[in-house]
C-alpha atoms as a PDB file:
ATOM      1  CA  MET A   1      42.023   7.186  44.544  1.00  0.00           C
ATOM      2  CA  LEU A   2      41.735   7.585  40.776  1.00  0.00           C
ATOM      3  CA  ASN A   3      45.128   8.346  39.236  1.00  0.00           C
ATOM      4  CA  PHE A   4      45.671  10.706  36.305  1.00  0.00           C
ATOM      5  CA  ALA A   5      46.366   7.920  33.790  1.00  0.00           C
ATOM      6  CA  SER A   6      43.123   6.119  34.645  1.00  0.00           C
ATOM      7  CA  TYR A   7      41.217   9.404  34.434  1.00  0.00           C
ATOM      8  CA  CYS A   8      42.611  10.144  30.963  1.00  0.00           C
ATOM      9  CA  GLY A   9      41.931   6.585  29.868  1.00  0.00           C
ATOM     10  CA  GLY A  10      38.312   6.932  30.941  1.00  0.00           C
ATOM     11  CA  ILE A  11      37.912  10.146  28.964  1.00  0.00           C
ATOM     12  CA  ALA A  12      39.409   8.521  25.879  1.00  0.00           C
ATOM     13  CA  SER A  13      37.126   5.498  26.253  1.00  0.00           C
ATOM     14  CA  ASN A  14      34.014   7.681  26.562  1.00  0.00           C
ATOM     15  CA  SER A  15      35.084   9.700  23.528  1.00  0.00           C
ATOM     16  CA  LEU A  16      35.423   6.526  21.462  1.00  0.00           C
ATOM     17  CA  ILE A  17      31.956   5.386  22.544  1.00  0.00           C
ATOM     18  CA  VAL A  18      30.453   8.729  21.499  1.00  0.00           C
ATOM     19  CA  MET A  19      32.278   8.644  18.163  1.00  0.00           C
ATOM     20  CA  GLN A  20      31.100   5.075  17.481  1.00  0.00           C
ATOM     21  CA  LYS A  21      27.499   6.054  18.316  1.00  0.00           C
ATOM     22  CA  GLU A  22      27.656   9.006  15.925  1.00  0.00           C
ATOM     23  CA  THR A  23      29.151   6.826  13.197  1.00  0.00           C
ATOM     24  CA  ASP A  24      26.519   4.131  13.675  1.00  0.00           C
ATOM     25  CA  GLU A  25      23.684   6.666  13.532  1.00  0.00           C
ATOM     26  CA  LYS A  26      25.100   8.279  10.391  1.00  0.00           C
ATOM     27  CA  PHE A  27      25.118   5.028   8.458  1.00  0.00           C
ATOM     28  CA  MET A  28      21.765   3.918   9.892  1.00  0.00           C
ATOM     29  CA  ARG A  29      20.243   7.125   8.517  1.00  0.00           C
ATOM     30  CA  ARG A  30      21.544   6.104   5.127  1.00  0.00           C
ATOM     31  CA  CYS A  31      19.845   2.721   5.620  1.00  0.00           C
ATOM     32  CA  LEU A  32      16.549   4.507   6.251  1.00  0.00           C
ATOM     33  CA  GLN A  33      17.001   6.636   3.133  1.00  0.00           C
ATOM     34  CA  LEU A  34      17.516   3.489   1.087  1.00  0.00           C
ATOM     35  CA  ALA A  35      14.627   1.633   2.726  1.00  0.00           C
ATOM     36  CA  ALA A  36      12.166   4.360   1.704  1.00  0.00           C
ATOM     37  CA  ASN A  37      12.684   3.382  -1.939  1.00  0.00           C
ATOM     38  CA  GLY A  38      10.563   0.298  -1.299  1.00  0.00           C
ATOM     39  CA  LEU A  39       7.517   2.195  -0.029  1.00  0.00           C
ATOM     40  CA  LEU A  40       5.015   0.932  -2.621  1.00  0.00           C
ATOM     41  CA  THR A  41       6.724  -2.259  -3.746  1.00  0.00           C
ATOM     42  CA  THR A  42       7.810  -4.456  -0.830  1.00  0.00           C
ATOM     43  CA  LYS A  43       4.429  -5.127   0.816  1.00  0.00           C
ATOM     44  CA  PRO A  44       3.742  -7.320   2.703  1.00  0.00           C
ATOM     45  CA  ASN A  45       7.486  -7.480   3.366  1.00  0.00           C
ATOM     46  CA  PRO A  46       9.018  -4.606   5.349  1.00  0.00           C
ATOM     47  CA  MET A  47      11.060  -1.805   3.816  1.00  0.00           C
ATOM     48  CA  VAL A  48      14.722  -2.375   4.647  1.00  0.00           C
ATOM     49  CA  GLY A  49      17.968  -0.626   3.751  1.00  0.00           C
ATOM     50  CA  ALA A  50      21.488  -2.033   4.128  1.00  0.00           C
ATOM     51  CA  VAL A  51      24.909  -0.366   3.963  1.00  0.00           C
ATOM     52  CA  ILE A  52      28.308  -2.086   4.033  1.00  0.00           C
ATOM     53  CA  VAL A  53      31.132   0.061   5.417  1.00  0.00           C
ATOM     54  CA  SER A  54      34.849  -0.723   5.277  1.00  0.00           C
ATOM     55  CA  GLU A  55      37.138  -0.458   8.293  1.00  0.00           C
ATOM     56  CA  ASN A  56      38.227   3.037   7.221  1.00  0.00           C
ATOM     57  CA  GLY A  57      34.616   4.287   7.037  1.00  0.00           C
ATOM     58  CA  ARG A  58      34.018   4.054   3.293  1.00  0.00           C
ATOM     59  CA  ILE A  59      30.725   2.724   1.915  1.00  0.00           C
ATOM     60  CA  ILE A  60      31.559  -0.220  -0.334  1.00  0.00           C
ATOM     61  CA  GLY A  61      28.042  -1.568  -0.844  1.00  0.00           C
ATOM     62  CA  GLU A  62      24.417  -0.662  -0.281  1.00  0.00           C
ATOM     63  CA  GLY A  63      20.942  -1.809  -1.248  1.00  0.00           C
ATOM     64  CA  PHE A  64      17.267  -1.922  -0.349  1.00  0.00           C
ATOM     65  CA  THR A  65      14.593  -4.592  -0.466  1.00  0.00           C
ATOM     66  CA  SER A  66      13.375  -5.464  -3.963  1.00  0.00           C
ATOM     67  CA  PRO A  67       9.680  -5.838  -4.852  1.00  0.00           C
ATOM     68  CA  VAL A  68       8.053  -8.736  -3.018  1.00  0.00           C
ATOM     69  CA  GLY A  69       9.587 -12.066  -4.004  1.00  0.00           C
ATOM     70  CA  GLY A  70      12.904 -10.474  -4.954  1.00  0.00           C
ATOM     71  CA  PRO A  71      16.208 -10.170  -3.076  1.00  0.00           C
ATOM     72  CA  HIS A  72      16.314  -8.518   0.327  1.00  0.00           C
ATOM     73  CA  ALA A  73      18.354  -5.416   1.163  1.00  0.00           C
ATOM     74  CA  GLU A  74      21.359  -7.376   2.440  1.00  0.00           C
ATOM     75  CA  VAL A  75      21.558  -9.455  -0.739  1.00  0.00           C
ATOM     76  CA  ASN A  76      21.451  -6.346  -2.911  1.00  0.00           C
ATOM     77  CA  ALA A  77      24.063  -4.623  -0.748  1.00  0.00           C
ATOM     78  CA  PHE A  78      26.564  -7.475  -1.057  1.00  0.00           C
ATOM     79  CA  ALA A  79      25.844  -7.771  -4.783  1.00  0.00           C
ATOM     80  CA  SER A  80      26.818  -4.106  -5.196  1.00  0.00           C
ATOM     81  CA  VAL A  81      30.303  -4.597  -3.703  1.00  0.00           C
ATOM     82  CA  ARG A  82      32.930  -4.306  -6.422  1.00  0.00           C
ATOM     83  CA  LYS A  83      35.293  -7.239  -6.857  1.00  0.00           C
ATOM     84  CA  GLU A  84      38.304  -5.149  -5.829  1.00  0.00           C
ATOM     85  CA  ASN A  85      36.554  -4.332  -2.528  1.00  0.00           C
ATOM     86  CA  GLU A  86      35.643  -7.889  -1.553  1.00  0.00           C
ATOM     87  CA  ALA A  87      38.943  -8.243   0.333  1.00  0.00           C
ATOM     88  CA  LEU A  88      37.691  -5.522   2.707  1.00  0.00           C
ATOM     89  CA  LEU A  89      34.680  -7.538   3.892  1.00  0.00           C
ATOM     90  CA  PRO A  90      36.366  -9.392   6.814  1.00  0.00           C
ATOM     91  CA  GLU A  91      36.915  -6.074   8.621  1.00  0.00           C
ATOM     92  CA  ALA A  92      33.692  -4.438   7.405  1.00  0.00           C
ATOM     93  CA  THR A  93      30.459  -3.557   9.198  1.00  0.00           C
ATOM     94  CA  ILE A  94      27.035  -4.099   7.664  1.00  0.00           C
ATOM     95  CA  TYR A  95      24.275  -1.740   8.790  1.00  0.00           C
ATOM     96  CA  VAL A  96      20.680  -2.947   8.400  1.00  0.00           C
ATOM     97  CA  SER A  97      17.552  -1.027   9.409  1.00  0.00           C
ATOM     98  CA  LEU A  98      15.784  -4.266  10.431  1.00  0.00           C
ATOM     99  CA  GLU A  99      17.169  -7.500  11.849  1.00  0.00           C
ATOM    100  CA  PRO A 100      18.301  -9.836   9.018  1.00  0.00           C
ATOM    101  CA  CYS A 101      15.832 -12.655   8.444  1.00  0.00           C
ATOM    102  CA  SER A 102      16.636 -16.156   9.668  1.00  0.00           C
ATOM    103  CA  HIS A 103      14.090 -18.229   7.737  1.00  0.00           C
ATOM    104  CA  TRP A 104      13.439 -19.440   4.226  1.00  0.00           C
ATOM    105  CA  GLY A 105      10.681 -17.615   2.359  1.00  0.00           C
ATOM    106  CA  HIS A 106      10.917 -16.575  -1.277  1.00  0.00           C
ATOM    107  CA  THR A 107      14.636 -16.143  -0.576  1.00  0.00           C
ATOM    108  CA  PRO A 108      17.258 -17.777   1.713  1.00  0.00           C
ATOM    109  CA  PRO A 109      18.005 -16.398   5.220  1.00  0.00           C
ATOM    110  CA  CYS A 110      19.932 -13.124   5.078  1.00  0.00           C
ATOM    111  CA  CYS A 111      21.743 -13.838   8.347  1.00  0.00           C
ATOM    112  CA  ASP A 112      23.357 -16.882   6.690  1.00  0.00           C
ATOM    113  CA  LEU A 113      24.550 -14.692   3.825  1.00  0.00           C
ATOM    114  CA  ILE A 114      26.104 -12.217   6.264  1.00  0.00           C
ATOM    115  CA  ILE A 115      27.863 -15.063   8.084  1.00  0.00           C
ATOM    116  CA  SER A 116      29.155 -16.511   4.809  1.00  0.00           C
ATOM    117  CA  LYS A 117      30.612 -13.143   3.784  1.00  0.00           C
ATOM    118  CA  GLY A 118      32.652 -13.054   6.988  1.00  0.00           C
ATOM    119  CA  VAL A 119      31.965  -9.449   8.028  1.00  0.00           C
ATOM    120  CA  LYS A 120      33.266  -8.406  11.435  1.00  0.00           C
ATOM    121  CA  ARG A 121      30.198  -6.531  12.723  1.00  0.00           C
ATOM    122  CA  CYS A 122      26.473  -6.111  12.084  1.00  0.00           C
ATOM    123  CA  VAL A 123      24.437  -3.121  13.308  1.00  0.00           C
ATOM    124  CA  CYS A 124      20.648  -3.554  13.356  1.00  0.00           C
ATOM    125  CA  GLY A 125      18.162  -0.736  13.737  1.00  0.00           C
ATOM    126  CA  CYS A 126      15.555  -2.903  15.454  1.00  0.00           C
ATOM    127  CA  VAL A 127      14.439  -6.481  16.011  1.00  0.00           C
ATOM    128  CA  ASP A 128      12.128  -8.038  13.420  1.00  0.00           C
ATOM    129  CA  PRO A 129       8.788  -8.873  15.148  1.00  0.00           C
ATOM    130  CA  PHE A 130       7.810 -11.449  12.492  1.00  0.00           C
ATOM    131  CA  ALA A 131       7.146 -14.766  14.264  1.00  0.00           C
ATOM    132  CA  LYS A 132       9.776 -16.665  12.254  1.00  0.00           C
ATOM    133  CA  VAL A 133      12.524 -14.160  13.133  1.00  0.00           C
ATOM    134  CA  GLN A 134      12.158 -12.344  16.500  1.00  0.00           C
ATOM    135  CA  GLY A 135      15.851 -12.266  17.392  1.00  0.00           C
ATOM    136  CA  ARG A 136      16.844 -15.546  15.747  1.00  0.00           C
ATOM    137  CA  GLY A 137      18.878 -13.774  13.074  1.00  0.00           C
ATOM    138  CA  ILE A 138      20.767 -11.827  15.729  1.00  0.00           C
ATOM    139  CA  ARG A 139      21.496 -14.958  17.778  1.00  0.00           C
ATOM    140  CA  ARG A 140      22.694 -16.885  14.749  1.00  0.00           C
ATOM    141  CA  MET A 141      25.151 -14.143  13.781  1.00  0.00           C
ATOM    142  CA  ARG A 142      26.467 -13.849  17.343  1.00  0.00           C
ATOM    143  CA  ASP A 143      26.896 -17.606  17.537  1.00  0.00           C
ATOM    144  CA  ALA A 144      29.002 -17.348  14.375  1.00  0.00           C
ATOM    145  CA  GLY A 145      31.310 -14.829  16.066  1.00  0.00           C
ATOM    146  CA  ILE A 146      29.955 -11.644  14.502  1.00  0.00           C
ATOM    147  CA  GLU A 147      29.690  -8.626  16.799  1.00  0.00           C
ATOM    148  CA  VAL A 148      26.055  -7.490  16.693  1.00  0.00           C
ATOM    149  CA  THR A 149      24.743  -4.124  17.885  1.00  0.00           C
ATOM    150  CA  VAL A 150      20.965  -3.646  18.118  1.00  0.00           C
ATOM    151  CA  GLY A 151      18.834  -0.530  18.628  1.00  0.00           C
ATOM    152  CA  VAL A 152      20.585   2.210  16.650  1.00  0.00           C
ATOM    153  CA  LEU A 153      17.923   4.806  15.725  1.00  0.00           C
ATOM    154  CA  GLU A 154      15.454   2.182  16.908  1.00  0.00           C
ATOM    155  CA  GLU A 155      12.349   4.389  16.994  1.00  0.00           C
ATOM    156  CA  GLU A 156      13.016   5.749  13.502  1.00  0.00           C
ATOM    157  CA  CYS A 157      13.515   2.234  12.169  1.00  0.00           C
ATOM    158  CA  LYS A 158      10.300   1.014  13.773  1.00  0.00           C
ATOM    159  CA  ALA A 159       8.403   4.027  12.419  1.00  0.00           C
ATOM    160  CA  MET A 160       9.595   3.239   8.896  1.00  0.00           C
ATOM    161  CA  ASN A 161       7.729  -0.086   9.111  1.00  0.00           C
ATOM    162  CA  ARG A 162       5.003   0.876  11.569  1.00  0.00           C
ATOM    163  CA  ARG A 163       2.318  -0.986   9.612  1.00  0.00           C
ATOM    164  CA  PHE A 164       4.409  -4.157   9.540  1.00  0.00           C
ATOM    165  CA  MET A 165       5.270  -3.756  13.239  1.00  0.00           C
ATOM    166  CA  VAL A 166       1.688  -3.376  14.479  1.00  0.00           C
ATOM    167  CA  PHE A 167       0.425  -6.209  12.285  1.00  0.00           C
ATOM    168  CA  ASN A 168       3.027  -8.642  13.611  1.00  0.00           C
ATOM    169  CA  GLN A 169       3.097  -7.474  17.229  1.00  0.00           C
ATOM    170  CA  GLU A 170      -0.612  -6.878  17.849  1.00  0.00           C
ATOM    171  CA  GLY A 171      -2.191  -9.189  15.292  1.00  0.00           C
ATOM    172  CA  ARG A 172      -4.266  -6.464  13.643  1.00  0.00           C
ATOM    173  CA  PRO A 173      -3.892  -3.926  10.842  1.00  0.00           C
ATOM    174  CA  TYR A 174      -2.377  -0.496  11.403  1.00  0.00           C
ATOM    175  CA  ILE A 175      -5.365   1.879  11.405  1.00  0.00           C
ATOM    176  CA  VAL A 176      -5.475   5.514  10.269  1.00  0.00           C
ATOM    177  CA  LEU A 177      -8.657   7.480  10.952  1.00  0.00           C
ATOM    178  CA  LYS A 178      -9.049  10.248   8.405  1.00  0.00           C
ATOM    179  CA  TRP A 179     -11.509  13.066   7.908  1.00  0.00           C
ATOM    180  CA  ALA A 180     -11.751  16.622   6.601  1.00  0.00           C
ATOM    181  CA  HIS A 181     -13.916  19.315   8.174  1.00  0.00           C
ATOM    182  CA  THR A 182     -14.785  22.970   7.839  1.00  0.00           C
ATOM    183  CA  ALA A 183     -13.459  25.696  10.108  1.00  0.00           C
ATOM    184  CA  ASP A 184     -16.675  25.455  12.153  1.00  0.00           C
ATOM    185  CA  GLY A 185     -16.344  21.687  12.560  1.00  0.00           C
ATOM    186  CA  PHE A 186     -18.633  20.033   9.975  1.00  0.00           C
ATOM    187  CA  ILE A 187     -17.697  17.144   7.687  1.00  0.00           C
ATOM    188  CA  SER A 188     -20.803  17.487   5.525  1.00  0.00           C
ATOM    189  CA  GLY A 189     -23.676  19.887   5.025  1.00  0.00           C
ATOM    190  CA  LYS A 190     -27.220  19.854   6.349  1.00  0.00           C
ATOM    191  CA  GLY A 191     -28.831  16.450   5.922  1.00  0.00           C
ATOM    192  CA  GLY A 192     -25.457  14.895   5.134  1.00  0.00           C
ATOM    193  CA  VAL A 193     -25.140  16.664   1.787  1.00  0.00           C
ATOM    194  CA  PRO A 194     -21.498  16.258   0.629  1.00  0.00           C
ATOM    195  CA  ILE A 195     -19.318  19.375   0.647  1.00  0.00           C
ATOM    196  CA  ARG A 196     -15.893  19.713  -0.943  1.00  0.00           C
ATOM    197  CA  VAL A 197     -13.509  20.451   1.908  1.00  0.00           C
ATOM    198  CA  SER A 198     -10.231  19.259   0.384  1.00  0.00           C
ATOM    199  CA  THR A 199      -8.390  21.185  -2.301  1.00  0.00           C
ATOM    200  CA  PRO A 200      -7.196  19.453  -5.486  1.00  0.00           C
ATOM    201  CA  PHE A 201      -3.705  19.213  -3.997  1.00  0.00           C
ATOM    202  CA  THR A 202      -4.768  17.820  -0.611  1.00  0.00           C
ATOM    203  CA  GLN A 203      -7.044  15.367  -2.413  1.00  0.00           C
ATOM    204  CA  MET A 204      -3.974  14.143  -4.299  1.00  0.00           C
ATOM    205  CA  LEU A 205      -2.211  13.661  -0.952  1.00  0.00           C
ATOM    206  CA  SER A 206      -5.152  11.536   0.179  1.00  0.00           C
ATOM    207  CA  HIS A 207      -4.675   9.337  -2.879  1.00  0.00           C
ATOM    208  CA  LYS A 208      -0.992   9.026  -2.025  1.00  0.00           C
ATOM    209  CA  LEU A 209      -1.963   7.793   1.438  1.00  0.00           C
ATOM    210  CA  ARG A 210      -4.360   5.293  -0.122  1.00  0.00           C
ATOM    211  CA  ALA A 211      -1.562   3.945  -2.324  1.00  0.00           C
ATOM    212  CA  GLU A 212       0.493   3.270   0.805  1.00  0.00           C
ATOM    213  CA  SER A 213      -2.353   1.352   2.468  1.00  0.00           C
ATOM    214  CA  ASP A 214      -3.792  -2.112   1.972  1.00  0.00           C
ATOM    215  CA  ALA A 215      -7.457  -1.337   2.586  1.00  0.00           C
ATOM    216  CA  ILE A 216      -9.867   1.571   2.963  1.00  0.00           C
ATOM    217  CA  LEU A 217     -13.249   1.636   4.709  1.00  0.00           C
ATOM    218  CA  VAL A 218     -16.391   3.781   4.735  1.00  0.00           C
ATOM    219  CA  GLY A 219     -19.814   3.347   6.287  1.00  0.00           C
ATOM    220  CA  ARG A 220     -23.002   2.623   4.372  1.00  0.00           C
ATOM    221  CA  HIS A 221     -24.304   6.207   4.522  1.00  0.00           C
ATOM    222  CA  THR A 222     -21.053   7.594   3.092  1.00  0.00           C
ATOM    223  CA  LEU A 223     -21.140   5.048   0.288  1.00  0.00           C
ATOM    224  CA  GLU A 224     -24.736   5.886  -0.610  1.00  0.00           C
ATOM    225  CA  THR A 225     -24.425   9.693  -0.425  1.00  0.00           C
ATOM    226  CA  ASP A 226     -20.853  10.343  -1.615  1.00  0.00           C
ATOM    227  CA  HIS A 227     -20.476   7.399  -4.029  1.00  0.00           C
ATOM    228  CA  PRO A 228     -16.698   7.344  -3.381  1.00  0.00           C
ATOM    229  CA  ARG A 229     -14.400   5.388  -5.697  1.00  0.00           C
ATOM    230  CA  LEU A 230     -11.723   4.966  -3.004  1.00  0.00           C
ATOM    231  CA  ASP A 231      -8.978   4.448  -5.574  1.00  0.00           C
ATOM    232  CA  VAL A 232      -5.573   6.020  -6.316  1.00  0.00           C
ATOM    233  CA  ARG A 233      -6.451   7.642  -9.644  1.00  0.00           C
ATOM    234  CA  GLN A 234      -4.567  10.829  -8.692  1.00  0.00           C
ATOM    235  CA  TRP A 235      -1.410   8.972  -7.652  1.00  0.00           C
ATOM    236  CA  SER A 236       0.424   5.819  -8.693  1.00  0.00           C
ATOM    237  CA  GLY A 237       0.306   2.386  -7.151  1.00  0.00           C
ATOM    238  CA  LYS A 238      -2.218  -0.310  -6.356  1.00  0.00           C
ATOM    239  CA  ASN A 239      -5.773   0.499  -5.276  1.00  0.00           C
ATOM    240  CA  PRO A 240      -6.488  -0.519  -1.670  1.00  0.00           C
ATOM    241  CA  GLU A 241      -9.222  -3.038  -0.992  1.00  0.00           C
ATOM    242  CA  ALA A 242     -12.503  -1.105  -0.611  1.00  0.00           C
ATOM    243  CA  ILE A 243     -14.689  -2.098   2.349  1.00  0.00           C
ATOM    244  CA  VAL A 244     -18.121  -0.857   3.407  1.00  0.00           C
ATOM    245  CA  LEU A 245     -19.229  -1.322   7.010  1.00  0.00           C
ATOM    246  CA  SER A 246     -22.945  -2.095   7.153  1.00  0.00           C
ATOM    247  CA  ARG A 247     -25.394  -4.431   8.830  1.00  0.00           C
ATOM    248  CA  SER A 248     -28.277  -3.595   6.507  1.00  0.00           C
ATOM    249  CA  MET A 249     -27.025  -3.315   2.924  1.00  0.00           C
ATOM    250  CA  LYS A 250     -28.992  -5.651   0.670  1.00  0.00           C
ATOM    251  CA  SER A 251     -26.745  -5.227  -2.343  1.00  0.00           C
ATOM    252  CA  VAL A 252     -23.069  -4.349  -2.443  1.00  0.00           C
ATOM    253  CA  THR A 253     -21.542  -1.906  -4.893  1.00  0.00           C
ATOM    254  CA  GLU A 254     -19.248  -3.664  -7.321  1.00  0.00           C
ATOM    255  CA  GLY A 255     -15.667  -3.616  -6.129  1.00  0.00           C
ATOM    256  CA  PHE A 256     -16.586  -3.327  -2.438  1.00  0.00           C
ATOM    257  CA  VAL A 257     -16.456  -5.931   0.315  1.00  0.00           C
ATOM    258  CA  CYS A 258     -19.357  -5.577   2.765  1.00  0.00           C
ATOM    259  CA  LEU A 259     -18.745  -6.512   6.408  1.00  0.00           C
ATOM    260  CA  ASP A 260     -21.182  -6.100   9.278  1.00  0.00           C
ATOM    261  CA  SER A 261     -18.926  -5.261  12.234  1.00  0.00           C
ATOM    262  CA  ILE A 262     -15.554  -3.788  13.104  1.00  0.00           C
ATOM    263  CA  GLU A 263     -14.536  -7.158  14.502  1.00  0.00           C
ATOM    264  CA  ALA A 264     -15.367  -8.761  11.161  1.00  0.00           C
ATOM    265  CA  VAL A 265     -13.319  -6.097   9.370  1.00  0.00           C
ATOM    266  CA  VAL A 266     -10.253  -6.763  11.512  1.00  0.00           C
ATOM    267  CA  ALA A 267     -10.618 -10.546  11.138  1.00  0.00           C
ATOM    268  CA  HIS A 268     -10.981 -10.215   7.367  1.00  0.00           C
ATOM    269  CA  LEU A 269      -7.901  -8.027   7.015  1.00  0.00           C
ATOM    270  CA  VAL A 270      -5.779 -10.282   9.213  1.00  0.00           C
ATOM    271  CA  GLY A 271      -6.947 -13.323   7.271  1.00  0.00           C
ATOM    272  CA  GLU A 272      -6.003 -11.656   3.988  1.00  0.00           C
ATOM    273  CA  HIS A 273      -2.629 -10.477   5.418  1.00  0.00           C
ATOM    274  CA  ARG A 274      -3.555  -6.838   4.846  1.00  0.00           C
ATOM    275  CA  GLN A 275      -1.418  -4.813   7.228  1.00  0.00           C
ATOM    276  CA  SER A 276      -3.043  -1.383   7.092  1.00  0.00           C
ATOM    277  CA  LEU A 277      -6.455   0.274   6.924  1.00  0.00           C
ATOM    278  CA  ILE A 278      -7.697   3.821   6.350  1.00  0.00           C
ATOM    279  CA  VAL A 279     -11.108   4.684   7.785  1.00  0.00           C
ATOM    280  CA  GLU A 280     -12.476   7.625   5.774  1.00  0.00           C
ATOM    281  CA  GLY A 281     -15.943   8.053   7.209  1.00  0.00           C
ATOM    282  CA  GLY A 282     -18.601   8.857   7.894  1.00  0.00           C
ATOM    283  CA  ALA A 283     -18.923  10.420  11.305  1.00  0.00           C
ATOM    284  CA  GLN A 284     -20.595   7.448  13.009  1.00  0.00           C
ATOM    285  CA  THR A 285     -18.128   4.957  11.564  1.00  0.00           C
ATOM    286  CA  LEU A 286     -15.167   7.065  12.690  1.00  0.00           C
ATOM    287  CA  LYS A 287     -16.746   7.452  16.142  1.00  0.00           C
ATOM    288  CA  ALA A 288     -17.142   3.675  16.430  1.00  0.00           C
ATOM    289  CA  PHE A 289     -13.409   3.193  15.911  1.00  0.00           C
ATOM    290  CA  LEU A 290     -12.595   6.054  18.295  1.00  0.00           C
ATOM    291  CA  ASP A 291     -14.877   4.630  21.002  1.00  0.00           C
ATOM    292  CA  ARG A 292     -13.010   1.323  20.796  1.00  0.00           C
ATOM    293  CA  GLY A 293      -9.638   3.038  20.888  1.00  0.00           C
ATOM    294  CA  LEU A 294      -8.918   1.195  17.664  1.00  0.00           C
ATOM    295  CA  TRP A 295      -6.548   3.532  15.835  1.00  0.00           C
ATOM    296  CA  ASP A 296      -2.850   4.279  15.431  1.00  0.00           C
ATOM    297  CA  GLU A 297      -2.902   7.663  13.684  1.00  0.00           C
ATOM    298  CA  ILE A 298      -5.540  10.308  13.114  1.00  0.00           C
ATOM    299  CA  ARG A 299      -5.335  12.635  10.111  1.00  0.00           C
ATOM    300  CA  VAL A 300      -7.555  15.726  10.189  1.00  0.00           C
ATOM    301  CA  GLU A 301      -7.761  18.268   7.399  1.00  0.00           C
ATOM    302  CA  THR A 302      -9.298  21.647   8.237  1.00  0.00           C
ATOM    303  CA  SER A 303     -10.582  24.068   5.604  1.00  0.00           C
ATOM    304  CA  PRO A 304     -11.163  27.804   6.171  1.00  0.00           C
ATOM    305  CA  MET A 305     -14.687  27.257   4.791  1.00  0.00           C
ATOM    306  CA  VAL A 306     -17.642  27.958   7.122  1.00  0.00           C
ATOM    307  CA  VAL A 307     -21.037  26.315   6.520  1.00  0.00           C
ATOM    308  CA  GLY A 308     -22.949  27.107   9.723  1.00  0.00           C
ATOM    309  CA  GLU A 309     -24.697  23.733  10.076  1.00  0.00           C
ATOM    310  CA  GLY A 310     -24.392  20.132   9.019  1.00  0.00           C
ATOM    311  CA  VAL A 311     -22.971  16.836  10.282  1.00  0.00           C
ATOM    312  CA  GLU A 312     -20.421  17.467  13.012  1.00  0.00           C
ATOM    313  CA  ALA A 313     -16.928  16.042  12.723  1.00  0.00           C
ATOM    314  CA  PRO A 314     -15.819  13.501  15.341  1.00  0.00           C
ATOM    315  CA  ARG A 315     -14.230  14.817  18.515  1.00  0.00           C
ATOM    316  CA  LEU A 316     -10.557  14.104  18.964  1.00  0.00           C
ATOM    317  CA  PRO A 317      -9.919  11.705  21.858  1.00  0.00           C
ATOM    318  CA  SER A 318      -7.931  12.600  24.951  1.00  0.00           C
ATOM    319  CA  GLY A 319      -4.355  11.448  25.394  1.00  0.00           C
ATOM    320  CA  ILE A 320      -3.146  12.372  21.922  1.00  0.00           C
ATOM    321  CA  ALA A 321      -0.192  14.378  20.667  1.00  0.00           C
ATOM    322  CA  LEU A 322       0.255  16.418  17.512  1.00  0.00           C
ATOM    323  CA  ALA A 323       2.868  14.588  15.429  1.00  0.00           C
ATOM    324  CA  ARG A 324       2.887  16.741  12.312  1.00  0.00           C
ATOM    325  CA  ARG A 325       1.199  19.878  10.957  1.00  0.00           C
ATOM    326  CA  GLU A 326       1.168  20.877   7.281  1.00  0.00           C
ATOM    327  CA  CYS A 327      -0.442  23.761   5.378  1.00  0.00           C
ATOM    328  CA  PHE A 328      -1.499  23.512   1.738  1.00  0.00           C
ATOM    329  CA  ASP A 329      -3.649  25.945  -0.255  1.00  0.00           C
ATOM    330  CA  GLY A 330      -5.135  27.420   2.911  1.00  0.00           C
ATOM    331  CA  ASN A 331      -6.031  24.026   4.391  1.00  0.00           C
ATOM    332  CA  VAL A 332      -4.268  22.619   7.457  1.00  0.00           C
ATOM    333  CA  ILE A 333      -3.539  18.896   7.837  1.00  0.00           C
ATOM    334  CA  CYS A 334      -2.750  17.650  11.347  1.00  0.00           C
ATOM    335  CA  TRP A 335      -1.492  14.171  12.188  1.00  0.00           C
ATOM    336  CA  TYR A 336      -2.077  12.874  15.720  1.00  0.00           C
ATOM    337  CA  ARG A 337      -0.636   9.913  17.599  1.00  0.00           C
ATOM    338  CA  ARG A 338      -1.058   8.654  21.133  1.00  0.00           C
ATOM    339  CA  ALA A 339       0.775  10.769  23.694  1.00  0.00           C
END
């Protein structure tokens, strides 16, 4: 029979577990805030944030991954620790949104740095799927006597680097299918005549999305009728690689790569280490990706405009869930993911 002392001890133990979970999630959220600072600069490396917390719960260091080739989040976090706080490191916890690397690249292994600093505990948001890591950093720290906790806000941490995750886990780019249509379901007018569905503001948001992506693709008909530039002129950042999907083009527009199949597109992007792709049209090209189930997110913008006839927008596939809905200037943008 359970005695009163054991019962009270169990309650106290459960309370401590809950408190530790809440503390870990609080500091992991700060890691995610920091990681977001690397959105346009760390590619192809992942965005990572790191926070060093003293035994009494005070942040004594934090950092995020520098532009590619520069120090990782953990290095920047330790570098930010003031000299008078270095004595606190042996009892400190370092929070990292992604498992510390265990290999030499442009920089030394971060797990070795953590071990050398002598921290008591490391909390990782998720495991790094990169082939040269995949749990090796975690094992090395545990072997060195560091307490390691994995999986705090795991889904949020994976979502932060969803392009990196898919590329390394599935061996293909992260694919966003994107189109804009009228209220009566047309993406262009009669005969494929272009119509302006997006507003100036939502067009700017499209350029922001392009800046976050490595490549962008349209079909031959879209290239010939719309003459898209597919750049980020209304945002900041690097232009994505522009690809046209066509089996029959005799000459390629300057600045475009022409590939004759979806399989060739995927192989090209993997070979060039491009982790993400936006497919912007036209209807047949989008349908080809949908028919293959080759997508990770679908972004649909709907205008209140009615045209009566034209080229119909693709049909949304079954088994999807609305992830986000936004309204701008009368237009509605819906983001879908697999249910």
